[in-house]
C-alpha atoms as a PDB file:
ATOM      1  CA  MET A   1     -10.875   9.352   7.363  1.00  0.00           C
ATOM      2  CA  PRO A   2      -7.089   9.144   7.129  1.00  0.00           C
ATOM      3  CA  PHE A   3      -5.234  10.252   4.016  1.00  0.00           C
ATOM      4  CA  ALA A   4      -5.799   7.337   1.611  1.00  0.00           C
ATOM      5  CA  PRO A   5      -4.191   6.689  -1.776  1.00  0.00           C
ATOM      6  CA  CYS A   6      -6.104   5.721  -4.889  1.00  0.00           C
ATOM      7  CA  LEU A   7      -3.603   3.836  -7.045  1.00  0.00           C
ATOM      8  CA  GLY A   8      -4.056   3.831 -10.798  1.00  0.00           C
ATOM      9  CA  VAL A   9      -3.113   0.333 -11.984  1.00  0.00           C
ATOM     10  CA  LYS A  10      -2.793  -1.373 -15.374  1.00  0.00           C
ATOM     11  CA  ASP A  11      -4.787  -4.481 -14.453  1.00  0.00           C
ATOM     12  CA  THR A  12      -6.945  -4.567 -11.345  1.00  0.00           C
ATOM     13  CA  ALA A  13      -7.088  -8.385 -11.362  1.00  0.00           C
ATOM     14  CA  VAL A  14      -3.277  -8.601 -11.212  1.00  0.00           C
ATOM     15  CA  SER A  15      -3.088  -5.951  -8.486  1.00  0.00           C
ATOM     16  CA  LYS A  16      -5.900  -7.528  -6.444  1.00  0.00           C
ATOM     17  CA  ALA A  17      -4.177 -10.932  -6.542  1.00  0.00           C
ATOM     18  CA  PHE A  18      -0.838  -9.380  -5.530  1.00  0.00           C
ATOM     19  CA  TYR A  19      -2.250  -7.502  -2.546  1.00  0.00           C
ATOM     20  CA  GLU A  20      -4.313 -10.509  -1.411  1.00  0.00           C
ATOM     21  CA  LYS A  21      -1.156 -12.656  -1.401  1.00  0.00           C
ATOM     22  CA  LEU A  22       0.379 -10.054   0.932  1.00  0.00           C
ATOM     23  CA  GLY A  23      -2.523 -10.416   3.384  1.00  0.00           C
ATOM     24  CA  PHE A  24      -4.645  -7.451   2.315  1.00  0.00           C
ATOM     25  CA  THR A  25      -8.388  -7.828   1.886  1.00  0.00           C
ATOM     26  CA  VAL A  26      -9.695  -6.440  -1.392  1.00  0.00           C
ATOM     27  CA  ASP A  27     -13.334  -5.370  -1.206  1.00  0.00           C
ATOM     28  CA  SER A  28     -14.787  -5.253  -4.711  1.00  0.00           C
ATOM     29  CA  GLN A  29     -18.448  -4.917  -3.809  1.00  0.00           C
ATOM     30  CA  THR A  30     -18.710  -1.423  -5.317  1.00  0.00           C
ATOM     31  CA  ALA A  31     -16.793  -2.258  -8.519  1.00  0.00           C
ATOM     32  CA  THR A  32     -18.733  -2.149 -11.778  1.00  0.00           C
ATOM     33  CA  PRO A  33     -17.622  -2.471 -15.401  1.00  0.00           C
ATOM     34  CA  ASP A  34     -17.643   1.333 -15.595  1.00  0.00           C
ATOM     35  CA  THR A  35     -15.909   1.969 -12.250  1.00  0.00           C
ATOM     36  CA  ASP A  36     -13.366  -0.776 -11.711  1.00  0.00           C
ATOM     37  CA  ILE A  37     -12.412   0.496  -8.242  1.00  0.00           C
ATOM     38  CA  HIS A  38     -11.572  -1.781  -5.298  1.00  0.00           C
ATOM     39  CA  MET A  39     -11.066  -0.953  -1.626  1.00  0.00           C
ATOM     40  CA  LEU A  40      -7.874  -2.169   0.104  1.00  0.00           C
ATOM     41  CA  LEU A  41      -8.015  -3.150   3.755  1.00  0.00           C
ATOM     42  CA  PHE A  42      -5.236  -4.350   6.017  1.00  0.00           C
ATOM     43  CA  GLY A  43      -6.031  -5.835   9.398  1.00  0.00           C
ATOM     44  CA  GLY A  44      -9.656  -4.879   8.797  1.00  0.00           C
ATOM     45  CA  GLN A  45      -8.790  -1.198   8.349  1.00  0.00           C
ATOM     46  CA  PHE A  46      -9.319   0.723   5.115  1.00  0.00           C
ATOM     47  CA  CYS A  47      -5.976   1.890   3.698  1.00  0.00           C
ATOM     48  CA  GLY A  48      -6.420   2.664  -0.007  1.00  0.00           C
ATOM     49  CA  MET A  49      -8.008   1.921  -3.364  1.00  0.00           C
ATOM     50  CA  LEU A  50      -7.083   0.273  -6.654  1.00  0.00           C
ATOM     51  CA  TYR A  51      -8.544   1.831  -9.806  1.00  0.00           C
ATOM     52  CA  ARG A  52      -7.931   0.793 -13.408  1.00  0.00           C
ATOM     53  CA  GLN A  53      -5.799   3.619 -14.845  1.00  0.00           C
ATOM     54  CA  ALA A  54      -7.868   4.070 -18.019  1.00  0.00           C
ATOM     55  CA  GLN A  55     -11.016   4.612 -15.963  1.00  0.00           C
ATOM     56  CA  LEU A  56      -9.216   6.821 -13.453  1.00  0.00           C
ATOM     57  CA  GLU A  57      -8.083   9.053 -16.319  1.00  0.00           C
ATOM     58  CA  SER A  58     -11.652   9.249 -17.598  1.00  0.00           C
ATOM     59  CA  TRP A  59     -12.979  10.154 -14.148  1.00  0.00           C
ATOM     60  CA  LEU A  60     -10.222  12.693 -13.463  1.00  0.00           C
ATOM     61  CA  PRO A  61      -9.003  13.955 -16.865  1.00  0.00           C
ATOM     62  CA  SER A  62      -6.039  15.860 -15.397  1.00  0.00           C
ATOM     63  CA  LEU A  63      -4.420  12.428 -14.839  1.00  0.00           C
ATOM     64  CA  ALA A  64      -4.646  11.516 -18.532  1.00  0.00           C
ATOM     65  CA  GLY A  65      -1.246  10.543 -19.892  1.00  0.00           C
ATOM     66  CA  GLN A  66       0.411  10.491 -16.460  1.00  0.00           C
ATOM     67  CA  PRO A  67       2.643   7.464 -15.907  1.00  0.00           C
ATOM     68  CA  ILE A  68       1.531   4.768 -13.500  1.00  0.00           C
ATOM     69  CA  GLY A  69       3.624   4.697 -10.330  1.00  0.00           C
ATOM     70  CA  PHE A  70       5.300   7.719  -8.811  1.00  0.00           C
ATOM     71  CA  SER A  71       8.349   9.021  -7.004  1.00  0.00           C
ATOM     72  CA  GLY A  72       7.541   8.461  -3.367  1.00  0.00           C
ATOM     73  CA  MET A  73       6.178   5.759  -1.124  1.00  0.00           C
ATOM     74  CA  PHE A  74       3.247   4.824   1.072  1.00  0.00           C
ATOM     75  CA  TYR A  75       3.658   3.548   4.633  1.00  0.00           C
ATOM     76  CA  LEU A  76       1.584   0.970   6.447  1.00  0.00           C
ATOM     77  CA  GLU A  77       2.083   0.353  10.161  1.00  0.00           C
ATOM     78  CA  VAL A  78       1.795  -3.307  11.186  1.00  0.00           C
ATOM     79  CA  ASP A  79       1.611  -5.067  14.540  1.00  0.00           C
ATOM     80  CA  ASP A  80       3.223  -8.392  13.572  1.00  0.00           C
ATOM     81  CA  PHE A  81       6.246  -7.065  11.687  1.00  0.00           C
ATOM     82  CA  GLN A  82       8.033 -10.409  11.247  1.00  0.00           C
ATOM     83  CA  SER A  83       4.952 -12.208   9.963  1.00  0.00           C
ATOM     84  CA  VAL A  84       4.238  -9.462   7.412  1.00  0.00           C
ATOM     85  CA  LEU A  85       7.909  -9.428   6.373  1.00  0.00           C
ATOM     86  CA  ASP A  86       7.874 -13.210   5.897  1.00  0.00           C
ATOM     87  CA  THR A  87       4.653 -13.054   3.866  1.00  0.00           C
ATOM     88  CA  CYS A  88       5.931 -10.233   1.660  1.00  0.00           C
ATOM     89  CA  ALA A  89       9.298 -11.975   1.110  1.00  0.00           C
ATOM     90  CA  SER A  90       7.461 -15.097  -0.066  1.00  0.00           C
ATOM     91  CA  VAL A  91       5.463 -13.078  -2.619  1.00  0.00           C
ATOM     92  CA  THR A  92       7.812 -10.367  -3.899  1.00  0.00           C
ATOM     93  CA  ASP A  93      11.273  -8.846  -3.540  1.00  0.00           C
ATOM     94  CA  ILE A  94      12.104  -6.711  -0.553  1.00  0.00           C
ATOM     95  CA  VAL A  95      13.570  -3.579  -2.175  1.00  0.00           C
ATOM     96  CA  ARG A  96      15.014  -2.153   1.055  1.00  0.00           C
ATOM     97  CA  GLY A  97      15.494  -3.476   4.582  1.00  0.00           C
ATOM     98  CA  PRO A  98      14.528  -4.809   6.909  1.00  0.00           C
ATOM     99  CA  SER A  99      16.290  -2.163   8.933  1.00  0.00           C
ATOM    100  CA  ALA A 100      15.669   0.479  11.566  1.00  0.00           C
ATOM    101  CA  ASP A 101      15.370   4.145  10.682  1.00  0.00           C
ATOM    102  CA  HIS A 102      16.958   7.020  12.616  1.00  0.00           C
ATOM    103  CA  THR A 103      14.204   6.814  15.279  1.00  0.00           C
ATOM    104  CA  GLY A 104      14.605   3.072  15.831  1.00  0.00           C
ATOM    105  CA  THR A 105      11.428   2.168  13.935  1.00  0.00           C
ATOM    106  CA  ARG A 106      11.818  -1.139  12.099  1.00  0.00           C
ATOM    107  CA  GLU A 107      10.795  -1.005   8.448  1.00  0.00           C
ATOM    108  CA  PHE A 108      11.080  -2.622   5.028  1.00  0.00           C
ATOM    109  CA  TYR A 109       9.901  -1.768   1.518  1.00  0.00           C
ATOM    110  CA  ILE A 110       8.392  -3.642  -1.438  1.00  0.00           C
ATOM    111  CA  ALA A 111       7.257  -2.612  -4.930  1.00  0.00           C
ATOM    112  CA  ASP A 112       3.864  -3.630  -6.278  1.00  0.00           C
ATOM    113  CA  PRO A 113       3.307  -4.735  -9.903  1.00  0.00           C
ATOM    114  CA  ASP A 114       2.797  -1.121 -11.031  1.00  0.00           C
ATOM    115  CA  GLY A 115       5.898   0.256  -9.320  1.00  0.00           C
ATOM    116  CA  TYR A 116       4.284   1.779  -6.233  1.00  0.00           C
ATOM    117  CA  ILE A 117       6.550   1.471  -3.198  1.00  0.00           C
ATOM    118  CA  ILE A 118       4.952   0.303   0.044  1.00  0.00           C
ATOM    119  CA  GLY A 119       6.887   0.745   3.270  1.00  0.00           C
ATOM    120  CA  PHE A 120       5.881  -1.376   6.243  1.00  0.00           C
ATOM    121  CA  ASN A 121       6.865  -0.183   9.690  1.00  0.00           C
ATOM    122  CA  GLU A 122       6.552  -1.937  13.020  1.00  0.00           C
ATOM    123  CA  ALA A 123       3.961  -0.415  15.355  1.00  0.00           C
ATOM    124  CA  ALA A 124       5.758  -1.345  18.593  1.00  0.00           C
ATOM    125  CA  SER A 125       9.132   0.108  17.588  1.00  0.00           C
ATOM    126  CA  ARG A 126       7.501   3.297  16.275  1.00  0.00           C
ATOM    127  CA  GLN A 127       5.534   3.704  19.482  1.00  0.00           C
ATOM    128  CA  ALA A 128       8.755   3.270  21.486  1.00  0.00           C
ATOM    129  CA  SER A 129      10.571   5.854  19.372  1.00  0.00           C
ATOM    130  CA  ASP A 130      10.897   9.602  19.668  1.00  0.00           C
ATOM    131  CA  MET A 131       8.220   9.908  16.947  1.00  0.00           C
ATOM    132  CA  VAL A 132       5.366   9.321  19.410  1.00  0.00           C
ATOM    133  CA  GLY A 133       3.684  12.609  20.123  1.00  0.00           C
ATOM    134  CA  GLY A 134       5.287  14.255  17.097  1.00  0.00           C
ATOM    135  CA  TYR A 135       2.814  12.724  14.668  1.00  0.00           C
ATOM    136  CA  ALA A 136      -0.390  10.724  14.825  1.00  0.00           C
ATOM    137  CA  VAL A 137      -0.306   7.938  17.383  1.00  0.00           C
END
């Protein structure tokens, strides 16, 4: 399995609705009142989880009192860059980009309702860049 984030969120219903508007699928089949955890998929591929912060802190006490959100970002590679950009722009603010990074990979960034930053990068431009072979393809 790839490295996958589990995002502590204030309100899973708000977060689920936000991500669904962006084109994610939220699989809630394993969620219960005691474990309000939901799987995030994009393009049919698992990419992360949403977990109500209060329950996450109970499950992993070392997170108790930690603020929601963090200093950093998550990246998601997409095939149809323009379509995803258009969808995101219709739902939320683009906080950076669209632009190309130093390798020529096209990217843009959004913030979710809890302050997590999601960077979207274009698969084709990344594959055409010098990055191919240096990291996972």
